[in-house]
Amino acid sequence: MEHLDALGFIETFGIVFVIEAADAMCKAADVELMGFENVASGYISVLVRGDVGAVKTAVEAGIAAVKNMNAEVYSSNVIAHPHQDIGKIIARYSLDNI
């Protein structure tokens, strides 16, 4: 996997909220939507990548979008300059696998 400047994640409950988060993330900053994962029992996470500033902006926008729909963000994170082996984990999120 190529070098990643940053990864951003949001986890919420339900596909409608995660799609809203993903839309807001992609509109707010120059990030690439990597994919999503239905974690368990309706918990869904969405993953974006890009430069550190863009990913931070995108995650903040995604969190705000979910909260504006009166839903809860269960977790979120930005990893700046992730180790290259993280690519082994996030490969399963890929939209190519859908």
PDB file of N, CA and C in Angstrom:
ATOM      1  N   MET A   1       0.844  -1.180   0.000  1.00  0.00           N
ATOM      2  CA  MET A   1       0.000   0.000   0.000  1.00  0.00           C
ATOM      3  C   MET A   1       0.888   1.241   0.000  1.00  0.00           C
ATOM      4  N   GLU A   2       0.455   2.274  -0.737  1.00  0.00           N
ATOM      5  CA  GLU A   2       1.252   3.488  -0.788  1.00  0.00           C
ATOM      6  C   GLU A   2       1.237   4.204   0.554  1.00  0.00           C
ATOM      7  N   HIS A   3       2.172   5.127   0.698  1.00  0.00           N
ATOM      8  CA  HIS A   3       2.279   5.917   1.922  1.00  0.00           C
ATOM      9  C   HIS A   3       0.992   6.700   2.145  1.00  0.00           C
ATOM     10  N   LEU A   4       0.510   6.692   3.368  1.00  0.00           N
ATOM     11  CA  LEU A   4      -0.680   7.455   3.728  1.00  0.00           C
ATOM     12  C   LEU A   4      -0.288   8.599   4.646  1.00  0.00           C
ATOM     13  N   ASP A   5      -0.716   9.812   4.326  1.00  0.00           N
ATOM     14  CA  ASP A   5      -0.452  10.942   5.212  1.00  0.00           C
ATOM     15  C   ASP A   5      -1.298  10.839   6.473  1.00  0.00           C
ATOM     16  N   ALA A   6      -2.587  10.515   6.311  1.00  0.00           N
ATOM     17  CA  ALA A   6      -3.467  10.407   7.469  1.00  0.00           C
ATOM     18  C   ALA A   6      -4.673   9.549   7.127  1.00  0.00           C
ATOM     19  N   LEU A   7      -5.220   8.946   8.160  1.00  0.00           N
ATOM     20  CA  LEU A   7      -6.465   8.186   8.073  1.00  0.00           C
ATOM     21  C   LEU A   7      -7.453   8.796   9.055  1.00  0.00           C
ATOM     22  N   GLY A   8      -8.724   8.843   8.663  1.00  0.00           N
ATOM     23  CA  GLY A   8      -9.766   9.338   9.550  1.00  0.00           C
ATOM     24  C   GLY A   8     -10.917   8.359   9.603  1.00  0.00           C
ATOM     25  N   PHE A   9     -11.473   8.169  10.797  1.00  0.00           N
ATOM     26  CA  PHE A   9     -12.533   7.195  11.020  1.00  0.00           C
ATOM     27  C   PHE A   9     -13.676   7.824  11.801  1.00  0.00           C
ATOM     28  N   ILE A  10     -14.886   7.419  11.496  1.00  0.00           N
ATOM     29  CA  ILE A  10     -16.058   7.757  12.300  1.00  0.00           C
ATOM     30  C   ILE A  10     -16.880   6.483  12.431  1.00  0.00           C
ATOM     31  N   GLU A  11     -17.377   6.238  13.643  1.00  0.00           N
ATOM     32  CA  GLU A  11     -18.269   5.098  13.863  1.00  0.00           C
ATOM     33  C   GLU A  11     -19.570   5.613  14.457  1.00  0.00           C
ATOM     34  N   THR A  12     -20.674   5.181  13.858  1.00  0.00           N
ATOM     35  CA  THR A  12     -21.992   5.556  14.336  1.00  0.00           C
ATOM     36  C   THR A  12     -22.913   4.349  14.182  1.00  0.00           C
ATOM     37  N   PHE A  13     -24.191   4.556  14.412  1.00  0.00           N
ATOM     38  CA  PHE A  13     -25.145   3.450  14.342  1.00  0.00           C
ATOM     39  C   PHE A  13     -26.090   3.674  13.174  1.00  0.00           C
ATOM     40  N   GLY A  14     -26.033   2.791  12.190  1.00  0.00           N
ATOM     41  CA  GLY A  14     -26.962   2.840  11.075  1.00  0.00           C
ATOM     42  C   GLY A  14     -26.366   3.398   9.793  1.00  0.00           C
ATOM     43  N   ILE A  15     -26.785   2.826   8.697  1.00  0.00           N
ATOM     44  CA  ILE A  15     -26.249   3.182   7.390  1.00  0.00           C
ATOM     45  C   ILE A  15     -26.604   4.615   6.992  1.00  0.00           C
ATOM     46  N   VAL A  16     -27.781   5.096   7.358  1.00  0.00           N
ATOM     47  CA  VAL A  16     -28.180   6.452   6.994  1.00  0.00           C
ATOM     48  C   VAL A  16     -27.218   7.464   7.593  1.00  0.00           C
ATOM     49  N   PHE A  17     -26.864   7.276   8.853  1.00  0.00           N
ATOM     50  CA  PHE A  17     -25.977   8.223   9.528  1.00  0.00           C
ATOM     51  C   PHE A  17     -24.550   8.135   8.999  1.00  0.00           C
ATOM     52  N   VAL A  18     -24.105   6.935   8.688  1.00  0.00           N
ATOM     53  CA  VAL A  18     -22.737   6.810   8.178  1.00  0.00           C
ATOM     54  C   VAL A  18     -22.628   7.374   6.759  1.00  0.00           C
ATOM     55  N   ILE A  19     -23.687   7.262   5.974  1.00  0.00           N
ATOM     56  CA  ILE A  19     -23.676   7.868   4.647  1.00  0.00           C
ATOM     57  C   ILE A  19     -23.670   9.386   4.769  1.00  0.00           C
ATOM     58  N   GLU A  20     -24.436   9.919   5.693  1.00  0.00           N
ATOM     59  CA  GLU A  20     -24.427  11.359   5.930  1.00  0.00           C
ATOM     60  C   GLU A  20     -23.035  11.828   6.354  1.00  0.00           C
ATOM     61  N   ALA A  21     -22.398  11.065   7.229  1.00  0.00           N
ATOM     62  CA  ALA A  21     -21.039  11.399   7.666  1.00  0.00           C
ATOM     63  C   ALA A  21     -20.073  11.353   6.490  1.00  0.00           C
ATOM     64  N   ALA A  22     -20.145  10.302   5.694  1.00  0.00           N
ATOM     65  CA  ALA A  22     -19.241  10.156   4.549  1.00  0.00           C
ATOM     66  C   ALA A  22     -19.433  11.296   3.556  1.00  0.00           C
ATOM     67  N   ASP A  23     -20.668  11.664   3.294  1.00  0.00           N
ATOM     68  CA  ASP A  23     -20.952  12.759   2.372  1.00  0.00           C
ATOM     69  C   ASP A  23     -20.351  14.064   2.891  1.00  0.00           C
ATOM     70  N   ALA A  24     -20.566  14.345   4.159  1.00  0.00           N
ATOM     71  CA  ALA A  24     -20.027  15.573   4.751  1.00  0.00           C
ATOM     72  C   ALA A  24     -18.502  15.566   4.736  1.00  0.00           C
ATOM     73  N   MET A  25     -17.912  14.420   5.010  1.00  0.00           N
ATOM     74  CA  MET A  25     -16.449  14.317   5.027  1.00  0.00           C
ATOM     75  C   MET A  25     -15.869  14.622   3.652  1.00  0.00           C
ATOM     76  N   CYS A  26     -16.467  14.037   2.627  1.00  0.00           N
ATOM     77  CA  CYS A  26     -15.942  14.217   1.266  1.00  0.00           C
ATOM     78  C   CYS A  26     -16.194  15.620   0.721  1.00  0.00           C
ATOM     79  N   LYS A  27     -17.260  16.251   1.171  1.00  0.00           N
ATOM     80  CA  LYS A  27     -17.558  17.618   0.727  1.00  0.00           C
ATOM     81  C   LYS A  27     -16.713  18.652   1.458  1.00  0.00           C
ATOM     82  N   ALA A  28     -16.310  18.348   2.684  1.00  0.00           N
ATOM     83  CA  ALA A  28     -15.620  19.330   3.526  1.00  0.00           C
ATOM     84  C   ALA A  28     -14.141  19.480   3.198  1.00  0.00           C
ATOM     85  N   ALA A  29     -13.547  18.443   2.644  1.00  0.00           N
ATOM     86  CA  ALA A  29     -12.093  18.476   2.442  1.00  0.00           C
ATOM     87  C   ALA A  29     -11.705  17.542   1.303  1.00  0.00           C
ATOM     88  N   ASP A  30     -10.499  17.718   0.843  1.00  0.00           N
ATOM     89  CA  ASP A  30      -9.966  16.882  -0.234  1.00  0.00           C
ATOM     90  C   ASP A  30      -9.464  15.566   0.349  1.00  0.00           C
ATOM     91  N   VAL A  31     -10.412  14.656   0.571  1.00  0.00           N
ATOM     92  CA  VAL A  31     -10.092  13.333   1.103  1.00  0.00           C
ATOM     93  C   VAL A  31     -10.656  12.277   0.167  1.00  0.00           C
ATOM     94  N   GLU A  32     -10.122  11.090   0.286  1.00  0.00           N
ATOM     95  CA  GLU A  32     -10.611   9.953  -0.493  1.00  0.00           C
ATOM     96  C   GLU A  32     -11.384   9.026   0.433  1.00  0.00           C
ATOM     97  N   LEU A  33     -12.588   8.686   0.024  1.00  0.00           N
ATOM     98  CA  LEU A  33     -13.385   7.721   0.770  1.00  0.00           C
ATOM     99  C   LEU A  33     -12.798   6.340   0.529  1.00  0.00           C
ATOM    100  N   MET A  34     -12.285   5.735   1.575  1.00  0.00           N
ATOM    101  CA  MET A  34     -11.652   4.423   1.460  1.00  0.00           C
ATOM    102  C   MET A  34     -12.683   3.298   1.506  1.00  0.00           C
ATOM    103  N   GLY A  35     -13.678   3.451   2.363  1.00  0.00           N
ATOM    104  CA  GLY A  35     -14.677   2.414   2.479  1.00  0.00           C
ATOM    105  C   GLY A  35     -15.404   2.496   3.792  1.00  0.00           C
ATOM    106  N   PHE A  36     -16.150   1.429   4.080  1.00  0.00           N
ATOM    107  CA  PHE A  36     -16.884   1.367   5.331  1.00  0.00           C
ATOM    108  C   PHE A  36     -16.953  -0.079   5.785  1.00  0.00           C
ATOM    109  N   GLU A  37     -17.309  -0.250   7.030  1.00  0.00           N
ATOM    110  CA  GLU A  37     -17.422  -1.594   7.593  1.00  0.00           C
ATOM    111  C   GLU A  37     -18.605  -1.636   8.541  1.00  0.00           C
ATOM    112  N   ASN A  38     -19.476  -2.613   8.345  1.00  0.00           N
ATOM    113  CA  ASN A  38     -20.557  -2.868   9.283  1.00  0.00           C
ATOM    114  C   ASN A  38     -19.933  -3.687  10.408  1.00  0.00           C
ATOM    115  N   VAL A  39     -19.631  -3.018  11.487  1.00  0.00           N
ATOM    116  CA  VAL A  39     -18.841  -3.626  12.548  1.00  0.00           C
ATOM    117  C   VAL A  39     -19.628  -4.724  13.257  1.00  0.00           C
ATOM    118  N   ALA A  40     -20.755  -4.381  13.854  1.00  0.00           N
ATOM    119  CA  ALA A  40     -21.579  -5.375  14.550  1.00  0.00           C
ATOM    120  C   ALA A  40     -22.875  -4.722  14.996  1.00  0.00           C
ATOM    121  N   SER A  41     -23.954  -5.443  14.877  1.00  0.00           N
ATOM    122  CA  SER A  41     -25.252  -5.008  15.398  1.00  0.00           C
ATOM    123  C   SER A  41     -25.640  -3.594  14.974  1.00  0.00           C
ATOM    124  N   GLY A  42     -25.301  -3.217  13.764  1.00  0.00           N
ATOM    125  CA  GLY A  42     -25.686  -1.910  13.252  1.00  0.00           C
ATOM    126  C   GLY A  42     -24.646  -0.821  13.405  1.00  0.00           C
ATOM    127  N   TYR A  43     -23.584  -1.083  14.134  1.00  0.00           N
ATOM    128  CA  TYR A  43     -22.504  -0.110  14.237  1.00  0.00           C
ATOM    129  C   TYR A  43     -21.727  -0.132  12.925  1.00  0.00           C
ATOM    130  N   ILE A  44     -21.543   1.037  12.346  1.00  0.00           N
ATOM    131  CA  ILE A  44     -20.874   1.125  11.056  1.00  0.00           C
ATOM    132  C   ILE A  44     -19.791   2.191  11.143  1.00  0.00           C
ATOM    133  N   SER A  45     -18.643   1.871  10.588  1.00  0.00           N
ATOM    134  CA  SER A  45     -17.558   2.847  10.554  1.00  0.00           C
ATOM    135  C   SER A  45     -17.248   3.198   9.106  1.00  0.00           C
ATOM    136  N   VAL A  46     -16.792   4.433   8.912  1.00  0.00           N
ATOM    137  CA  VAL A  46     -16.406   4.928   7.601  1.00  0.00           C
ATOM    138  C   VAL A  46     -14.978   5.442   7.708  1.00  0.00           C
ATOM    139  N   LEU A  47     -14.221   5.280   6.638  1.00  0.00           N
ATOM    140  CA  LEU A  47     -12.796   5.583   6.644  1.00  0.00           C
ATOM    141  C   LEU A  47     -12.444   6.462   5.450  1.00  0.00           C
ATOM    142  N   VAL A  48     -11.687   7.533   5.712  1.00  0.00           N
ATOM    143  CA  VAL A  48     -11.172   8.395   4.645  1.00  0.00           C
ATOM    144  C   VAL A  48      -9.668   8.537   4.807  1.00  0.00           C
ATOM    145  N   ARG A  49      -9.016   8.967   3.734  1.00  0.00           N
ATOM    146  CA  ARG A  49      -7.583   9.246   3.816  1.00  0.00           C
ATOM    147  C   ARG A  49      -7.281  10.516   3.043  1.00  0.00           C
ATOM    148  N   GLY A  50      -6.151  11.112   3.374  1.00  0.00           N
ATOM    149  CA  GLY A  50      -5.709  12.328   2.719  1.00  0.00           C
ATOM    150  C   GLY A  50      -4.600  12.956   3.530  1.00  0.00           C
ATOM    151  N   ASP A  51      -4.328  14.241   3.260  1.00  0.00           N
ATOM    152  CA  ASP A  51      -3.301  14.878   4.077  1.00  0.00           C
ATOM    153  C   ASP A  51      -3.879  15.158   5.468  1.00  0.00           C
ATOM    154  N   VAL A  52      -3.008  15.372   6.427  1.00  0.00           N
ATOM    155  CA  VAL A  52      -3.421  15.450   7.828  1.00  0.00           C
ATOM    156  C   VAL A  52      -4.486  16.522   8.056  1.00  0.00           C
ATOM    157  N   GLY A  53      -4.266  17.711   7.547  1.00  0.00           N
ATOM    158  CA  GLY A  53      -5.230  18.790   7.749  1.00  0.00           C
ATOM    159  C   GLY A  53      -6.583  18.490   7.135  1.00  0.00           C
ATOM    160  N   ALA A  54      -6.574  17.941   5.934  1.00  0.00           N
ATOM    161  CA  ALA A  54      -7.831  17.611   5.256  1.00  0.00           C
ATOM    162  C   ALA A  54      -8.589  16.529   6.011  1.00  0.00           C
ATOM    163  N   VAL A  55      -7.889  15.534   6.493  1.00  0.00           N
ATOM    164  CA  VAL A  55      -8.551  14.446   7.223  1.00  0.00           C
ATOM    165  C   VAL A  55      -9.142  14.964   8.534  1.00  0.00           C
ATOM    166  N   LYS A  56      -8.423  15.819   9.236  1.00  0.00           N
ATOM    167  CA  LYS A  56      -8.965  16.402  10.474  1.00  0.00           C
ATOM    168  C   LYS A  56     -10.233  17.192  10.177  1.00  0.00           C
ATOM    169  N   THR A  57     -10.199  18.002   9.129  1.00  0.00           N
ATOM    170  CA  THR A  57     -11.364  18.785   8.739  1.00  0.00           C
ATOM    171  C   THR A  57     -12.526  17.869   8.370  1.00  0.00           C
ATOM    172  N   ALA A  58     -12.241  16.825   7.613  1.00  0.00           N
ATOM    173  CA  ALA A  58     -13.279  15.893   7.179  1.00  0.00           C
ATOM    174  C   ALA A  58     -13.928  15.189   8.362  1.00  0.00           C
ATOM    175  N   VAL A  59     -13.138  14.718   9.294  1.00  0.00           N
ATOM    176  CA  VAL A  59     -13.688  14.017  10.460  1.00  0.00           C
ATOM    177  C   VAL A  59     -14.559  14.960  11.285  1.00  0.00           C
ATOM    178  N   GLU A  60     -14.099  16.184  11.482  1.00  0.00           N
ATOM    179  CA  GLU A  60     -14.907  17.166  12.220  1.00  0.00           C
ATOM    180  C   GLU A  60     -16.247  17.410  11.521  1.00  0.00           C
ATOM    181  N   ALA A  61     -16.225  17.511  10.200  1.00  0.00           N
ATOM    182  CA  ALA A  61     -17.458  17.720   9.439  1.00  0.00           C
ATOM    183  C   ALA A  61     -18.379  16.510   9.524  1.00  0.00           C
ATOM    184  N   GLY A  62     -17.807  15.322   9.472  1.00  0.00           N
ATOM    185  CA  GLY A  62     -18.615  14.110   9.585  1.00  0.00           C
ATOM    186  C   GLY A  62     -19.269  13.990  10.945  1.00  0.00           C
ATOM    187  N   ILE A  63     -18.531  14.306  11.983  1.00  0.00           N
ATOM    188  CA  ILE A  63     -19.085  14.274  13.340  1.00  0.00           C
ATOM    189  C   ILE A  63     -20.240  15.264  13.457  1.00  0.00           C
ATOM    190  N   ALA A  64     -20.044  16.488  12.953  1.00  0.00           N
ATOM    191  CA  ALA A  64     -21.093  17.500  13.015  1.00  0.00           C
ATOM    192  C   ALA A  64     -22.339  17.059  12.244  1.00  0.00           C
ATOM    193  N   ALA A  65     -22.141  16.420  11.095  1.00  0.00           N
ATOM    194  CA  ALA A  65     -23.284  15.968  10.293  1.00  0.00           C
ATOM    195  C   ALA A  65     -24.114  14.927  11.031  1.00  0.00           C
ATOM    196  N   VAL A  66     -23.445  13.995  11.680  1.00  0.00           N
ATOM    197  CA  VAL A  66     -24.168  12.962  12.432  1.00  0.00           C
ATOM    198  C   VAL A  66     -24.912  13.591  13.605  1.00  0.00           C
ATOM    199  N   LYS A  67     -24.241  14.469  14.323  1.00  0.00           N
ATOM    200  CA  LYS A  67     -24.878  15.124  15.471  1.00  0.00           C
ATOM    201  C   LYS A  67     -26.047  16.005  15.033  1.00  0.00           C
ATOM    202  N   ASN A  68     -25.950  16.624  13.856  1.00  0.00           N
ATOM    203  CA  ASN A  68     -27.054  17.442  13.339  1.00  0.00           C
ATOM    204  C   ASN A  68     -28.287  16.610  13.030  1.00  0.00           C
ATOM    205  N   MET A  69     -28.107  15.310  12.870  1.00  0.00           N
ATOM    206  CA  MET A  69     -29.244  14.410  12.646  1.00  0.00           C
ATOM    207  C   MET A  69     -29.715  13.792  13.961  1.00  0.00           C
ATOM    208  N   ASN A  70     -29.242  14.335  15.069  1.00  0.00           N
ATOM    209  CA  ASN A  70     -29.588  13.852  16.414  1.00  0.00           C
ATOM    210  C   ASN A  70     -29.194  12.399  16.629  1.00  0.00           C
ATOM    211  N   ALA A  71     -28.080  12.032  16.050  1.00  0.00           N
ATOM    212  CA  ALA A  71     -27.535  10.691  16.230  1.00  0.00           C
ATOM    213  C   ALA A  71     -26.225  10.800  16.991  1.00  0.00           C
ATOM    214  N   GLU A  72     -25.724   9.684  17.433  1.00  0.00           N
ATOM    215  CA  GLU A  72     -24.513   9.660  18.246  1.00  0.00           C
ATOM    216  C   GLU A  72     -23.322   9.134  17.451  1.00  0.00           C
ATOM    217  N   VAL A  73     -22.204   9.803  17.597  1.00  0.00           N
ATOM    218  CA  VAL A  73     -20.937   9.304  17.082  1.00  0.00           C
ATOM    219  C   VAL A  73     -20.324   8.495  18.221  1.00  0.00           C
ATOM    220  N   TYR A  74     -20.106   7.215  17.998  1.00  0.00           N
ATOM    221  CA  TYR A  74     -19.585   6.353  19.055  1.00  0.00           C
ATOM    222  C   TYR A  74     -18.075   6.458  19.179  1.00  0.00           C
ATOM    223  N   SER A  75     -17.428   6.701  18.072  1.00  0.00           N
ATOM    224  CA  SER A  75     -15.991   6.923  18.139  1.00  0.00           C
ATOM    225  C   SER A  75     -15.539   7.603  16.855  1.00  0.00           C
ATOM    226  N   SER A  76     -14.416   8.273  16.969  1.00  0.00           N
ATOM    227  CA  SER A  76     -13.789   8.898  15.813  1.00  0.00           C
ATOM    228  C   SER A  76     -12.304   9.008  16.106  1.00  0.00           C
ATOM    229  N   ASN A  77     -11.522   9.084  15.054  1.00  0.00           N
ATOM    230  CA  ASN A  77     -10.081   9.169  15.248  1.00  0.00           C
ATOM    231  C   ASN A  77      -9.419   9.643  13.966  1.00  0.00           C
ATOM    232  N   VAL A  78      -8.303  10.315  14.141  1.00  0.00           N
ATOM    233  CA  VAL A  78      -7.426  10.675  13.038  1.00  0.00           C
ATOM    234  C   VAL A  78      -6.052  10.135  13.387  1.00  0.00           C
ATOM    235  N   ILE A  79      -5.474   9.386  12.473  1.00  0.00           N
ATOM    236  CA  ILE A  79      -4.114   8.877  12.653  1.00  0.00           C
ATOM    237  C   ILE A  79      -3.235   9.564  11.624  1.00  0.00           C
ATOM    238  N   ALA A  80      -2.357  10.426  12.115  1.00  0.00           N
ATOM    239  CA  ALA A  80      -1.412  11.099  11.228  1.00  0.00           C
ATOM    240  C   ALA A  80      -0.234  10.170  10.973  1.00  0.00           C
ATOM    241  N   HIS A  81       0.155  10.072   9.744  1.00  0.00           N
ATOM    242  CA  HIS A  81       1.316   9.271   9.335  1.00  0.00           C
ATOM    243  C   HIS A  81       1.271   7.840   9.892  1.00  0.00           C
ATOM    244  N   PRO A  82       0.209   7.081   9.554  1.00  0.00           N
ATOM    245  CA  PRO A  82       0.105   5.719  10.073  1.00  0.00           C
ATOM    246  C   PRO A  82       1.233   4.823   9.559  1.00  0.00           C
ATOM    247  N   HIS A  83       1.555   3.847  10.356  1.00  0.00           N
ATOM    248  CA  HIS A  83       2.565   2.865   9.965  1.00  0.00           C
ATOM    249  C   HIS A  83       2.078   2.133   8.715  1.00  0.00           C
ATOM    250  N   GLN A  84       2.975   1.769   7.835  1.00  0.00           N
ATOM    251  CA  GLN A  84       2.599   1.133   6.567  1.00  0.00           C
ATOM    252  C   GLN A  84       1.842  -0.178   6.765  1.00  0.00           C
ATOM    253  N   ASP A  85       2.060  -0.874   7.861  1.00  0.00           N
ATOM    254  CA  ASP A  85       1.355  -2.127   8.091  1.00  0.00           C
ATOM    255  C   ASP A  85      -0.132  -1.942   8.393  1.00  0.00           C
ATOM    256  N   ILE A  86      -0.541  -0.720   8.730  1.00  0.00           N
ATOM    257  CA  ILE A  86      -1.959  -0.447   8.942  1.00  0.00           C
ATOM    258  C   ILE A  86      -2.737  -0.746   7.658  1.00  0.00           C
ATOM    259  N   GLY A  87      -2.080  -0.619   6.521  1.00  0.00           N
ATOM    260  CA  GLY A  87      -2.719  -0.928   5.246  1.00  0.00           C
ATOM    261  C   GLY A  87      -3.262  -2.340   5.181  1.00  0.00           C
ATOM    262  N   LYS A  88      -2.656  -3.255   5.916  1.00  0.00           N
ATOM    263  CA  LYS A  88      -3.145  -4.637   5.953  1.00  0.00           C
ATOM    264  C   LYS A  88      -4.515  -4.726   6.615  1.00  0.00           C
ATOM    265  N   ILE A  89      -4.752  -3.861   7.576  1.00  0.00           N
ATOM    266  CA  ILE A  89      -6.036  -3.856   8.275  1.00  0.00           C
ATOM    267  C   ILE A  89      -7.089  -3.138   7.452  1.00  0.00           C
ATOM    268  N   ILE A  90      -6.734  -1.961   6.935  1.00  0.00           N
ATOM    269  CA  ILE A  90      -7.752  -1.162   6.248  1.00  0.00           C
ATOM    270  C   ILE A  90      -8.102  -1.693   4.865  1.00  0.00           C
ATOM    271  N   ALA A  91      -7.333  -2.620   4.357  1.00  0.00           N
ATOM    272  CA  ALA A  91      -7.643  -3.198   3.048  1.00  0.00           C
ATOM    273  C   ALA A  91      -9.031  -3.838   3.043  1.00  0.00           C
ATOM    274  N   ARG A  92      -9.470  -4.354   4.165  1.00  0.00           N
ATOM    275  CA  ARG A  92     -10.790  -4.980   4.212  1.00  0.00           C
ATOM    276  C   ARG A  92     -11.910  -3.970   4.143  1.00  0.00           C
ATOM    277  N   TYR A  93     -11.624  -2.697   4.407  1.00  0.00           N
ATOM    278  CA  TYR A  93     -12.623  -1.623   4.307  1.00  0.00           C
ATOM    279  C   TYR A  93     -12.878  -1.215   2.860  1.00  0.00           C
ATOM    280  N   SER A  94     -12.013  -1.564   1.977  1.00  0.00           N
ATOM    281  CA  SER A  94     -12.011  -1.047   0.624  1.00  0.00           C
ATOM    282  C   SER A  94     -13.364  -1.150  -0.065  1.00  0.00           C
ATOM    283  N   LEU A  95     -13.728  -0.082  -0.768  1.00  0.00           N
ATOM    284  CA  LEU A  95     -14.958  -0.094  -1.566  1.00  0.00           C
ATOM    285  C   LEU A  95     -14.847  -1.092  -2.701  1.00  0.00           C
ATOM    286  N   ASP A  96     -13.623  -1.461  -3.079  1.00  0.00           N
ATOM    287  CA  ASP A  96     -13.419  -2.465  -4.125  1.00  0.00           C
ATOM    288  C   ASP A  96     -13.917  -3.847  -3.692  1.00  0.00           C
ATOM    289  N   ASN A  97     -14.051  -4.054  -2.396  1.00  0.00           N
ATOM    290  CA  ASN A  97     -14.488  -5.348  -1.873  1.00  0.00           C
ATOM    291  C   ASN A  97     -16.008  -5.486  -1.793  1.00  0.00           C
ATOM    292  N   ILE A  98     -16.709  -4.431  -2.172  1.00  0.00           N
ATOM    293  CA  ILE A  98     -18.179  -4.467  -2.072  1.00  0.00           C
ATOM    294  C   ILE A  98     -18.750  -5.214  -3.262  1.00  0.00           C
TER     295      ILE A  98
END
